[in-house]
Amino acid sequence: MIDDTRASEITEHDPEIDETQRLISSRKVEGTHVYNLEGEHIGSVDSFMVDKLSGQVSYAVMSFGGFLGIGERYHALPWDALTFDTSAGGYVVNITREQLEGGPSFAHGDDPWTDPEYGRLIHSHYGLPYRM
């Protein structure tokens, strides 16, 4: 059962529902801005990776850098590192631009997830515990 004030409005046949008090559609998360603690815009959510076994979101894949899609890099951030800030209308992370620039990244078309150690590398770089 959905714990939500609009739960009675949601049906499995209603594709127009993008957000409720507790839930948000992936369509609405993609493209959301990401800010550091200083309020600096450091990227946007491109997609996220969902653990098939638990059904939980594990990583937000953030687009960063480049111009008009050229030279753009993708950085996976542990989902637990993101906090939604309603006043900013986006996610806030305790990560500096320098940490992000020096962190694990990949280009469009790359598939770093085939390396079973990639998740450990991400967590280690950002100083967060690895829970997979």
N, C-alpha and C. Protein backbone atom coordinates (compact mmCIF):
# COMPACT_ATOMS: atom_id res chain seq x y z
N MET A 1 0.83 -1.17 0.00
CA MET A 1 0.00 0.00 0.00
C MET A 1 0.88 1.24 0.00
N ILE A 2 0.52 2.23 -0.77
CA ILE A 2 1.28 3.47 -0.87
C ILE A 2 0.87 4.40 0.27
N ASP A 3 1.85 4.83 1.05
CA ASP A 3 1.62 5.76 2.14
C ASP A 3 1.69 7.17 1.56
N ASP A 4 0.57 7.67 1.11
CA ASP A 4 0.58 8.93 0.40
C ASP A 4 -0.79 9.58 0.48
N THR A 5 -0.82 10.89 0.53
CA THR A 5 -2.11 11.58 0.60
C THR A 5 -2.88 11.50 -0.70
N ARG A 6 -2.19 11.23 -1.82
CA ARG A 6 -2.87 11.14 -3.10
C ARG A 6 -3.00 9.69 -3.56
N ALA A 7 -2.81 8.73 -2.68
CA ALA A 7 -2.82 7.33 -3.05
C ALA A 7 -4.11 6.94 -3.75
N SER A 8 -5.22 7.52 -3.35
CA SER A 8 -6.49 7.16 -3.97
C SER A 8 -6.56 7.61 -5.42
N GLU A 9 -5.71 8.58 -5.82
CA GLU A 9 -5.72 9.07 -7.20
C GLU A 9 -4.89 8.20 -8.13
N ILE A 10 -4.01 7.38 -7.58
CA ILE A 10 -3.08 6.60 -8.39
C ILE A 10 -3.68 5.27 -8.77
N THR A 11 -3.67 4.98 -10.05
CA THR A 11 -4.05 3.66 -10.52
C THR A 11 -2.96 3.18 -11.44
N GLU A 12 -2.90 1.89 -11.66
CA GLU A 12 -1.86 1.36 -12.55
C GLU A 12 -2.08 1.80 -13.99
N HIS A 13 -3.22 2.37 -14.28
CA HIS A 13 -3.53 2.80 -15.65
C HIS A 13 -3.42 4.30 -15.84
N ASP A 14 -2.84 5.00 -14.89
CA ASP A 14 -2.75 6.45 -14.95
C ASP A 14 -1.31 6.89 -15.20
N PRO A 15 -0.90 6.98 -16.48
CA PRO A 15 0.49 7.34 -16.79
C PRO A 15 0.80 8.82 -16.56
N GLU A 16 -0.20 9.62 -16.24
CA GLU A 16 0.01 11.06 -16.06
C GLU A 16 0.57 11.40 -14.68
N ILE A 17 0.53 10.47 -13.73
CA ILE A 17 1.04 10.73 -12.38
C ILE A 17 2.57 10.66 -12.42
N ASP A 18 3.22 11.81 -12.21
CA ASP A 18 4.68 11.87 -12.19
C ASP A 18 5.23 12.03 -10.78
N GLU A 19 4.38 12.53 -9.87
CA GLU A 19 4.89 12.79 -8.53
C GLU A 19 3.74 12.82 -7.54
N THR A 20 4.00 12.24 -6.38
CA THR A 20 3.07 12.32 -5.26
C THR A 20 3.88 12.85 -4.08
N GLN A 21 3.30 12.83 -2.92
CA GLN A 21 4.02 13.33 -1.75
C GLN A 21 5.27 12.50 -1.47
N ARG A 22 5.24 11.18 -1.68
CA ARG A 22 6.36 10.30 -1.35
C ARG A 22 7.05 9.70 -2.56
N LEU A 23 6.42 9.67 -3.71
CA LEU A 23 6.97 8.99 -4.87
C LEU A 23 7.20 9.96 -6.02
N ILE A 24 8.19 9.63 -6.86
CA ILE A 24 8.46 10.45 -8.04
C ILE A 24 8.80 9.52 -9.20
N SER A 25 8.32 9.84 -10.36
CA SER A 25 8.58 9.05 -11.55
C SER A 25 10.01 9.28 -12.04
N SER A 26 10.61 8.26 -12.60
CA SER A 26 11.95 8.41 -13.16
C SER A 26 11.97 9.48 -14.24
N ARG A 27 10.87 9.67 -14.94
CA ARG A 27 10.81 10.71 -15.98
C ARG A 27 11.07 12.08 -15.40
N LYS A 28 10.64 12.28 -14.16
CA LYS A 28 10.80 13.58 -13.54
C LYS A 28 12.17 13.76 -12.88
N VAL A 29 12.78 12.66 -12.46
CA VAL A 29 14.11 12.72 -11.82
C VAL A 29 15.18 13.03 -12.86
N GLU A 30 15.08 12.40 -14.03
CA GLU A 30 16.08 12.62 -15.07
C GLU A 30 16.06 14.08 -15.50
N GLY A 31 17.23 14.69 -15.48
CA GLY A 31 17.36 16.10 -15.83
C GLY A 31 17.37 17.03 -14.63
N THR A 32 17.06 16.50 -13.43
CA THR A 32 17.06 17.32 -12.23
C THR A 32 18.48 17.80 -11.92
N HIS A 33 18.62 19.05 -11.57
CA HIS A 33 19.92 19.63 -11.26
C HIS A 33 20.49 19.05 -9.97
N VAL A 34 21.82 19.00 -9.92
CA VAL A 34 22.56 18.57 -8.73
C VAL A 34 23.47 19.71 -8.33
N TYR A 35 23.45 20.03 -7.02
CA TYR A 35 24.22 21.14 -6.47
C TYR A 35 25.14 20.62 -5.38
N ASN A 36 26.27 21.30 -5.17
CA ASN A 36 27.10 20.98 -4.01
C ASN A 36 26.59 21.79 -2.82
N LEU A 37 27.21 21.64 -1.67
CA LEU A 37 26.74 22.32 -0.46
C LEU A 37 26.84 23.84 -0.55
N GLU A 38 27.69 24.33 -1.45
CA GLU A 38 27.82 25.78 -1.63
C GLU A 38 26.76 26.34 -2.58
N GLY A 39 25.89 25.47 -3.09
CA GLY A 39 24.84 25.91 -4.00
C GLY A 39 25.26 25.98 -5.45
N GLU A 40 26.47 25.52 -5.76
CA GLU A 40 26.98 25.54 -7.13
C GLU A 40 26.38 24.37 -7.92
N HIS A 41 25.82 24.67 -9.08
CA HIS A 41 25.28 23.63 -9.96
C HIS A 41 26.45 22.83 -10.53
N ILE A 42 26.50 21.52 -10.23
CA ILE A 42 27.62 20.71 -10.68
C ILE A 42 27.22 19.65 -11.71
N GLY A 43 25.97 19.58 -12.07
CA GLY A 43 25.54 18.63 -13.09
C GLY A 43 24.06 18.38 -12.99
N SER A 44 23.61 17.36 -13.73
CA SER A 44 22.20 16.98 -13.74
C SER A 44 22.10 15.47 -13.76
N VAL A 45 21.01 14.95 -13.19
CA VAL A 45 20.78 13.51 -13.20
C VAL A 45 20.46 13.09 -14.63
N ASP A 46 21.26 12.18 -15.16
CA ASP A 46 21.02 11.64 -16.49
C ASP A 46 20.13 10.41 -16.40
N SER A 47 20.44 9.54 -15.46
CA SER A 47 19.68 8.31 -15.25
C SER A 47 20.03 7.78 -13.88
N PHE A 48 19.48 6.65 -13.52
CA PHE A 48 19.92 6.01 -12.30
C PHE A 48 19.93 4.51 -12.49
N MET A 49 20.73 3.86 -11.65
CA MET A 49 20.91 2.42 -11.73
C MET A 49 20.14 1.78 -10.57
N VAL A 50 19.29 0.81 -10.90
CA VAL A 50 18.46 0.14 -9.93
C VAL A 50 18.99 -1.27 -9.70
N ASP A 51 19.14 -1.66 -8.44
CA ASP A 51 19.55 -3.01 -8.10
C ASP A 51 18.40 -3.95 -8.43
N LYS A 52 18.64 -4.92 -9.30
CA LYS A 52 17.58 -5.83 -9.74
C LYS A 52 17.03 -6.69 -8.61
N LEU A 53 17.87 -7.04 -7.66
CA LEU A 53 17.43 -7.92 -6.59
C LEU A 53 16.64 -7.20 -5.51
N SER A 54 17.10 -6.02 -5.11
CA SER A 54 16.42 -5.30 -4.03
C SER A 54 15.34 -4.35 -4.56
N GLY A 55 15.48 -3.94 -5.82
CA GLY A 55 14.55 -2.96 -6.38
C GLY A 55 14.87 -1.53 -5.95
N GLN A 56 15.97 -1.33 -5.25
CA GLN A 56 16.36 -0.02 -4.76
C GLN A 56 17.28 0.69 -5.74
N VAL A 57 17.18 2.01 -5.79
CA VAL A 57 18.10 2.79 -6.60
C VAL A 57 19.47 2.73 -5.92
N SER A 58 20.51 2.39 -6.68
CA SER A 58 21.86 2.31 -6.13
C SER A 58 22.70 3.53 -6.49
N TYR A 59 22.56 4.02 -7.72
CA TYR A 59 23.40 5.12 -8.20
C TYR A 59 22.58 6.10 -9.03
N ALA A 60 22.90 7.37 -8.88
CA ALA A 60 22.44 8.39 -9.81
C ALA A 60 23.59 8.60 -10.79
N VAL A 61 23.32 8.50 -12.06
CA VAL A 61 24.34 8.78 -13.06
C VAL A 61 24.14 10.23 -13.45
N MET A 62 25.17 11.03 -13.19
CA MET A 62 25.08 12.46 -13.39
C MET A 62 25.89 12.87 -14.61
N SER A 63 25.30 13.69 -15.46
CA SER A 63 26.05 14.24 -16.59
C SER A 63 26.78 15.48 -16.11
N PHE A 64 27.99 15.66 -16.64
CA PHE A 64 28.84 16.73 -16.15
C PHE A 64 29.80 17.15 -17.25
N GLY A 65 29.96 18.44 -17.42
CA GLY A 65 30.94 18.96 -18.36
C GLY A 65 30.47 18.89 -19.80
N GLY A 66 31.37 19.23 -20.68
CA GLY A 66 31.05 19.21 -22.11
C GLY A 66 30.24 20.42 -22.52
N PHE A 67 29.99 20.49 -23.81
CA PHE A 67 29.20 21.57 -24.37
C PHE A 67 28.34 20.99 -25.47
N LEU A 68 27.02 21.15 -25.34
CA LEU A 68 26.07 20.60 -26.31
C LEU A 68 26.28 19.10 -26.52
N GLY A 69 26.60 18.41 -25.43
CA GLY A 69 26.78 16.96 -25.50
C GLY A 69 28.15 16.50 -25.93
N ILE A 70 29.01 17.42 -26.35
CA ILE A 70 30.37 17.05 -26.79
C ILE A 70 31.30 17.13 -25.60
N GLY A 71 32.02 16.05 -25.34
CA GLY A 71 32.95 16.01 -24.22
C GLY A 71 32.29 15.77 -22.88
N GLU A 72 31.00 15.52 -22.89
CA GLU A 72 30.27 15.29 -21.65
C GLU A 72 30.73 13.97 -21.02
N ARG A 73 30.88 13.98 -19.72
CA ARG A 73 31.26 12.79 -18.96
C ARG A 73 30.12 12.43 -18.02
N TYR A 74 30.07 11.17 -17.65
CA TYR A 74 29.05 10.69 -16.73
C TYR A 74 29.73 10.19 -15.46
N HIS A 75 29.18 10.60 -14.33
CA HIS A 75 29.72 10.24 -13.03
C HIS A 75 28.60 9.57 -12.24
N ALA A 76 28.85 8.37 -11.76
CA ALA A 76 27.88 7.69 -10.91
C ALA A 76 28.12 8.10 -9.47
N LEU A 77 27.07 8.52 -8.82
CA LEU A 77 27.14 8.89 -7.40
C LEU A 77 26.25 7.92 -6.63
N PRO A 78 26.72 7.43 -5.50
CA PRO A 78 25.84 6.59 -4.68
C PRO A 78 24.55 7.34 -4.37
N TRP A 79 23.42 6.68 -4.57
CA TRP A 79 22.12 7.32 -4.39
C TRP A 79 22.00 7.91 -2.98
N ASP A 80 22.59 7.24 -1.99
CA ASP A 80 22.53 7.72 -0.61
C ASP A 80 23.24 9.05 -0.43
N ALA A 81 24.09 9.44 -1.37
CA ALA A 81 24.83 10.70 -1.26
C ALA A 81 23.97 11.90 -1.67
N LEU A 82 22.83 11.66 -2.30
CA LEU A 82 21.96 12.74 -2.78
C LEU A 82 20.81 12.99 -1.81
N THR A 83 20.54 14.25 -1.57
CA THR A 83 19.40 14.66 -0.76
C THR A 83 18.61 15.67 -1.57
N PHE A 84 17.30 15.45 -1.67
CA PHE A 84 16.49 16.39 -2.43
C PHE A 84 16.20 17.62 -1.58
N ASP A 85 16.45 18.79 -2.16
CA ASP A 85 16.21 20.06 -1.48
C ASP A 85 15.08 20.76 -2.22
N THR A 86 13.93 20.83 -1.58
CA THR A 86 12.76 21.44 -2.23
C THR A 86 12.98 22.90 -2.57
N SER A 87 13.73 23.62 -1.74
CA SER A 87 13.95 25.04 -2.02
C SER A 87 14.86 25.24 -3.24
N ALA A 88 15.77 24.30 -3.46
CA ALA A 88 16.66 24.38 -4.64
C ALA A 88 16.02 23.75 -5.86
N GLY A 89 15.01 22.91 -5.63
CA GLY A 89 14.38 22.21 -6.75
C GLY A 89 15.32 21.20 -7.38
N GLY A 90 16.25 20.68 -6.58
CA GLY A 90 17.20 19.71 -7.08
C GLY A 90 17.86 18.95 -5.96
N TYR A 91 18.83 18.13 -6.32
CA TYR A 91 19.54 17.31 -5.35
C TYR A 91 20.79 18.04 -4.87
N VAL A 92 21.13 17.84 -3.61
CA VAL A 92 22.32 18.42 -3.01
C VAL A 92 23.23 17.28 -2.58
N VAL A 93 24.52 17.42 -2.86
CA VAL A 93 25.51 16.42 -2.48
C VAL A 93 26.66 17.09 -1.74
N ASN A 94 27.26 16.37 -0.83
CA ASN A 94 28.42 16.86 -0.09
C ASN A 94 29.68 16.45 -0.85
N ILE A 95 29.77 16.92 -2.07
CA ILE A 95 30.87 16.59 -2.98
C ILE A 95 31.32 17.88 -3.65
N THR A 96 32.61 18.10 -3.68
CA THR A 96 33.12 19.30 -4.33
C THR A 96 33.25 19.06 -5.83
N ARG A 97 33.32 20.13 -6.57
CA ARG A 97 33.54 20.04 -8.01
C ARG A 97 34.86 19.30 -8.30
N GLU A 98 35.88 19.56 -7.47
CA GLU A 98 37.18 18.91 -7.67
C GLU A 98 37.09 17.41 -7.45
N GLN A 99 36.32 16.99 -6.42
CA GLN A 99 36.13 15.55 -6.20
C GLN A 99 35.44 14.92 -7.40
N LEU A 100 34.44 15.60 -7.90
CA LEU A 100 33.69 15.09 -9.04
C LEU A 100 34.59 15.00 -10.27
N GLU A 101 35.34 16.06 -10.55
CA GLU A 101 36.22 16.06 -11.72
C GLU A 101 37.28 14.97 -11.63
N GLY A 102 37.76 14.66 -10.41
CA GLY A 102 38.79 13.64 -10.24
C GLY A 102 38.24 12.24 -10.02
N GLY A 103 36.93 12.11 -10.01
CA GLY A 103 36.31 10.83 -9.72
C GLY A 103 36.14 9.93 -10.92
N PRO A 104 35.74 8.70 -10.66
CA PRO A 104 35.48 7.76 -11.75
C PRO A 104 34.42 8.32 -12.69
N SER A 105 34.66 8.22 -13.96
CA SER A 105 33.69 8.71 -14.94
C SER A 105 33.76 7.86 -16.19
N PHE A 106 32.79 8.07 -17.06
CA PHE A 106 32.78 7.35 -18.32
C PHE A 106 32.11 8.19 -19.39
N ALA A 107 32.37 7.85 -20.63
CA ALA A 107 31.81 8.58 -21.77
C ALA A 107 30.56 7.87 -22.26
N HIS A 108 29.76 8.59 -23.04
CA HIS A 108 28.59 8.01 -23.66
C HIS A 108 29.01 6.77 -24.46
N GLY A 109 28.32 5.68 -24.27
CA GLY A 109 28.63 4.44 -24.98
C GLY A 109 29.52 3.49 -24.20
N ASP A 110 30.21 3.99 -23.16
CA ASP A 110 31.01 3.13 -22.30
C ASP A 110 30.09 2.36 -21.35
N ASP A 111 30.55 1.22 -20.88
CA ASP A 111 29.77 0.44 -19.92
C ASP A 111 30.66 0.01 -18.77
N PRO A 112 30.90 0.91 -17.81
CA PRO A 112 31.78 0.57 -16.69
C PRO A 112 31.19 -0.47 -15.75
N TRP A 113 29.87 -0.70 -15.85
CA TRP A 113 29.18 -1.60 -14.91
C TRP A 113 29.54 -3.06 -15.15
N THR A 114 30.22 -3.36 -16.26
CA THR A 114 30.65 -4.75 -16.49
C THR A 114 31.80 -5.13 -15.55
N ASP A 115 32.48 -4.14 -14.98
CA ASP A 115 33.55 -4.38 -14.01
C ASP A 115 32.92 -4.50 -12.63
N PRO A 116 32.98 -5.67 -12.01
CA PRO A 116 32.34 -5.84 -10.70
C PRO A 116 32.93 -4.94 -9.60
N GLU A 117 34.10 -4.38 -9.82
CA GLU A 117 34.73 -3.51 -8.82
C GLU A 117 34.38 -2.04 -9.00
N TYR A 118 33.63 -1.71 -10.06
CA TYR A 118 33.33 -0.31 -10.33
C TYR A 118 32.57 0.36 -9.17
N GLY A 119 31.60 -0.34 -8.61
CA GLY A 119 30.84 0.21 -7.48
C GLY A 119 31.73 0.49 -6.28
N ARG A 120 32.66 -0.42 -5.99
CA ARG A 120 33.59 -0.21 -4.87
C ARG A 120 34.45 1.02 -5.13
N LEU A 121 34.90 1.18 -6.37
CA LEU A 121 35.72 2.33 -6.75
C LEU A 121 34.98 3.64 -6.51
N ILE A 122 33.72 3.68 -6.90
CA ILE A 122 32.90 4.89 -6.71
C ILE A 122 32.78 5.22 -5.23
N HIS A 123 32.38 4.24 -4.44
CA HIS A 123 32.20 4.47 -3.00
C HIS A 123 33.50 4.88 -2.34
N SER A 124 34.58 4.23 -2.71
CA SER A 124 35.89 4.55 -2.13
C SER A 124 36.29 5.98 -2.46
N HIS A 125 36.10 6.39 -3.71
CA HIS A 125 36.48 7.74 -4.12
C HIS A 125 35.75 8.81 -3.31
N TYR A 126 34.46 8.58 -3.04
CA TYR A 126 33.68 9.58 -2.32
C TYR A 126 33.66 9.35 -0.81
N GLY A 127 34.42 8.34 -0.34
CA GLY A 127 34.52 8.08 1.09
C GLY A 127 33.25 7.57 1.72
N LEU A 128 32.48 6.81 0.94
CA LEU A 128 31.21 6.27 1.44
C LEU A 128 31.29 4.76 1.55
N PRO A 129 30.60 4.17 2.53
CA PRO A 129 30.63 2.71 2.68
C PRO A 129 29.97 2.02 1.50
N TYR A 130 30.56 0.92 1.09
CA TYR A 130 30.02 0.10 0.00
C TYR A 130 29.12 -0.96 0.60
N ARG A 131 27.87 -1.05 0.13
CA ARG A 131 26.89 -1.94 0.75
C ARG A 131 26.36 -3.01 -0.20
N MET A 132 26.98 -3.29 -1.26
CA MET A 132 26.42 -4.26 -2.22
C MET A 132 26.85 -5.65 -1.91
